[in-house]
Protein backbone atom coordinates (compact mmCIF):
# COMPACT_ATOMS: atom_id res chain seq x y z
CA UNK A 1 78.20 0.19 30.23
CA UNK A 2 74.83 1.88 30.89
CA UNK A 3 74.63 3.62 34.21
CA UNK A 4 78.41 3.62 34.74
CA UNK A 5 79.15 6.46 37.11
CA UNK A 6 82.90 5.87 37.09
CA UNK A 7 84.64 8.79 35.43
CA UNK A 8 88.25 9.74 35.00
CA UNK A 9 88.52 10.41 38.71
CA UNK A 10 89.72 13.44 40.57
CA UNK A 11 93.14 14.69 39.61
CA UNK A 12 93.09 13.06 36.16
CA UNK A 13 92.73 14.94 32.89
CA UNK A 14 89.35 14.64 31.17
CA UNK A 15 89.26 13.44 27.55
CA UNK A 16 89.67 16.08 24.82
CA UNK A 17 86.71 18.38 24.32
CA UNK A 18 84.25 17.25 21.68
CA UNK A 19 83.80 19.49 18.63
CA UNK A 20 80.00 19.58 19.03
CA UNK A 21 78.24 22.04 21.36
CA UNK A 22 77.93 20.77 24.92
CA UNK A 23 74.83 22.06 26.71
CA UNK A 24 75.12 22.94 30.39
CA UNK A 25 71.80 22.34 32.13
CA UNK A 26 70.89 24.04 35.40
CA UNK A 27 69.44 21.40 37.73
CA UNK A 28 67.75 21.56 41.12
CA UNK A 29 69.05 18.24 42.51
CA UNK A 30 72.29 16.88 41.04
CA UNK A 31 71.90 13.43 42.64
CA UNK A 32 68.41 13.00 41.16
CA UNK A 33 69.64 14.23 37.78
CA UNK A 34 72.55 11.75 37.83
CA UNK A 35 70.18 8.93 38.77
CA UNK A 36 68.09 9.81 35.70
CA UNK A 37 70.86 10.55 33.19
CA UNK A 38 73.21 7.73 34.25
CA UNK A 39 70.90 5.17 35.87
CA UNK A 40 68.00 5.33 33.41
CA UNK A 41 69.45 6.84 30.24
CA UNK A 42 72.82 5.09 30.12
CA UNK A 43 75.15 8.08 30.41
CA UNK A 44 78.39 7.88 32.40
CA UNK A 45 80.14 10.56 34.43
CA UNK A 46 83.18 11.80 32.49
CA UNK A 47 84.31 14.15 35.26
CA UNK A 48 82.72 15.94 38.18
CA UNK A 49 83.25 18.64 40.79
CA UNK A 50 80.99 17.55 43.67
CA UNK A 51 82.00 20.54 45.78
CA UNK A 52 80.49 22.78 43.08
CA UNK A 53 77.46 20.57 42.35
CA UNK A 54 78.72 19.84 38.83
CA UNK A 55 79.06 16.74 36.65
CA UNK A 56 79.76 16.16 32.97
CA UNK A 57 78.04 13.04 31.57
CA UNK A 58 78.39 11.31 28.23
CA UNK A 59 76.75 8.56 26.20
CA UNK A 60 78.40 7.82 22.85
CA UNK A 61 79.18 11.21 21.37
CA UNK A 62 76.45 13.04 23.33
CA UNK A 63 77.87 15.04 26.22
CA UNK A 64 75.90 17.15 28.72
CA UNK A 65 77.01 19.20 31.72
CA UNK A 66 74.75 19.24 34.80
CA UNK A 67 75.14 22.19 37.17
CA UNK A 68 73.22 22.45 40.44
CA UNK A 69 71.51 25.80 40.91
CA UNK A 70 72.68 27.91 43.82
CA UNK A 71 75.92 25.99 44.36
CA UNK A 72 78.44 28.06 42.41
CA UNK A 73 77.81 30.58 39.63
CA UNK A 74 74.41 30.45 37.96
CA UNK A 75 74.06 31.98 34.52
CA UNK A 76 70.35 32.62 34.65
CA UNK A 77 68.87 35.11 32.19
CA UNK A 78 65.28 34.99 33.46
CA UNK A 79 63.34 33.45 36.36
CA UNK A 80 63.61 29.65 36.26
CA UNK A 81 60.35 27.82 36.61
CA UNK A 82 59.83 24.14 35.83
CA UNK A 83 59.80 22.76 33.27
CA UNK A 84 63.27 24.05 32.39
CA UNK A 85 64.47 24.19 28.78
CA UNK A 86 61.19 25.31 27.25
CA UNK A 87 61.27 25.43 23.47
CA UNK A 88 64.32 23.18 23.16
CA UNK A 89 64.85 19.45 22.88
CA UNK A 90 68.12 17.58 22.85
CA UNK A 91 68.31 14.83 20.24
CA UNK A 92 70.49 11.92 21.34
CA UNK A 93 71.28 9.25 18.75
CA UNK A 94 71.41 5.68 20.08
CA UNK A 95 71.86 2.28 18.46
CA UNK A 96 68.51 1.10 19.85
CA UNK A 97 65.82 2.92 21.80
CA UNK A 98 64.32 -0.28 23.23
CA UNK A 99 66.73 -0.76 26.18
CA UNK A 100 66.04 2.83 27.25
CA UNK A 101 62.30 2.34 26.93
CA UNK A 102 62.54 -0.82 29.03
CA UNK A 103 64.52 0.93 31.82
CA UNK A 104 62.20 3.93 31.86
CA UNK A 105 59.12 1.68 32.00
CA UNK A 106 60.60 -0.41 34.82
CA UNK A 107 61.23 2.80 36.78
CA UNK A 108 57.70 4.07 36.08
CA UNK A 109 59.14 7.15 34.34
CA UNK A 110 56.54 8.78 32.03
CA UNK A 111 57.24 9.48 28.38
CA UNK A 112 56.45 12.86 26.84
CA UNK A 113 55.96 11.23 23.42
CA UNK A 114 55.48 7.49 22.91
CA UNK A 115 57.83 5.71 20.50
CA UNK A 116 57.14 6.48 16.85
CA UNK A 117 58.72 5.89 13.46
CA UNK A 118 59.28 9.20 11.68
CA UNK A 119 60.93 10.22 8.40
CA UNK A 120 62.94 13.42 7.93
CA UNK A 121 64.15 14.67 4.56
CA UNK A 122 67.88 15.38 4.50
CA UNK A 123 68.91 16.65 1.07
CA UNK A 124 67.83 14.06 -1.49
CA UNK A 125 67.33 11.31 1.09
CA UNK A 126 64.72 10.57 3.71
CA UNK A 127 66.11 9.36 7.01
CA UNK A 128 63.74 7.17 8.99
CA UNK A 129 64.15 6.96 12.76
CA UNK A 130 62.40 5.40 15.72
CA UNK A 131 62.22 8.02 18.44
CA UNK A 132 60.59 8.98 21.71
CA UNK A 133 60.70 11.96 24.03
CA UNK A 134 61.14 12.04 27.79
CA UNK A 135 61.63 14.84 30.31
CA UNK A 136 64.43 14.75 32.84
CA UNK A 137 63.71 15.64 36.52
CA UNK A 138 63.89 19.37 35.73
CA UNK A 139 61.73 19.17 32.61
CA UNK A 140 64.43 19.27 29.93
CA UNK A 141 63.09 17.45 26.88
CA UNK A 142 65.26 14.62 25.51
CA UNK A 143 64.58 13.00 22.13
CA UNK A 144 66.26 9.62 21.83
CA UNK A 145 66.42 8.41 18.23
CA UNK A 146 67.46 5.18 16.54
CA UNK A 147 68.23 5.37 12.82
CA UNK A 148 66.24 2.79 10.87
CA UNK A 149 67.03 3.36 7.20
CA UNK A 150 67.50 5.93 4.43
CA UNK A 151 65.62 6.13 1.15
CA UNK A 152 66.10 8.25 -1.94
CA UNK A 153 63.59 11.10 -2.30
CA UNK A 154 62.79 11.71 -5.96
CA UNK A 155 61.14 15.14 -5.59
CA UNK A 156 63.40 16.77 -2.97
CA UNK A 157 62.74 20.27 -4.32
CA UNK A 158 58.98 20.22 -3.81
């Protein structure tokens, strides 16, 4: 359920680790980040450590760790200045982007890139998606994408 903040609870074992990389994002305000990630973007808390300013959130197979700066250990390689995450975007596949767009619009949250249909060549096929980009409270760039269809590309080597 979108916005579900109920996780496994304290003292319970979290689900097995996913095989995909799990980014850990340094955040300035964990509560504001959770409101965005869970309330607006439909993630749910998988587990948390409030005393350390930490939460792991998940939507489908996309998992992200949120870690409040200055609360525990910070692995910072250079001065952090907003927007955080420069040069990187996190693609998050969803069944439909429309419910997210509706929630973001209702909250008055600005989009970085308006919804668009875009094709990407993958081998001999072109994958068409509907996507948009939005920044979280710390400036991390999220690209939500909905797969539309695939078509055969006849000149994939060109």
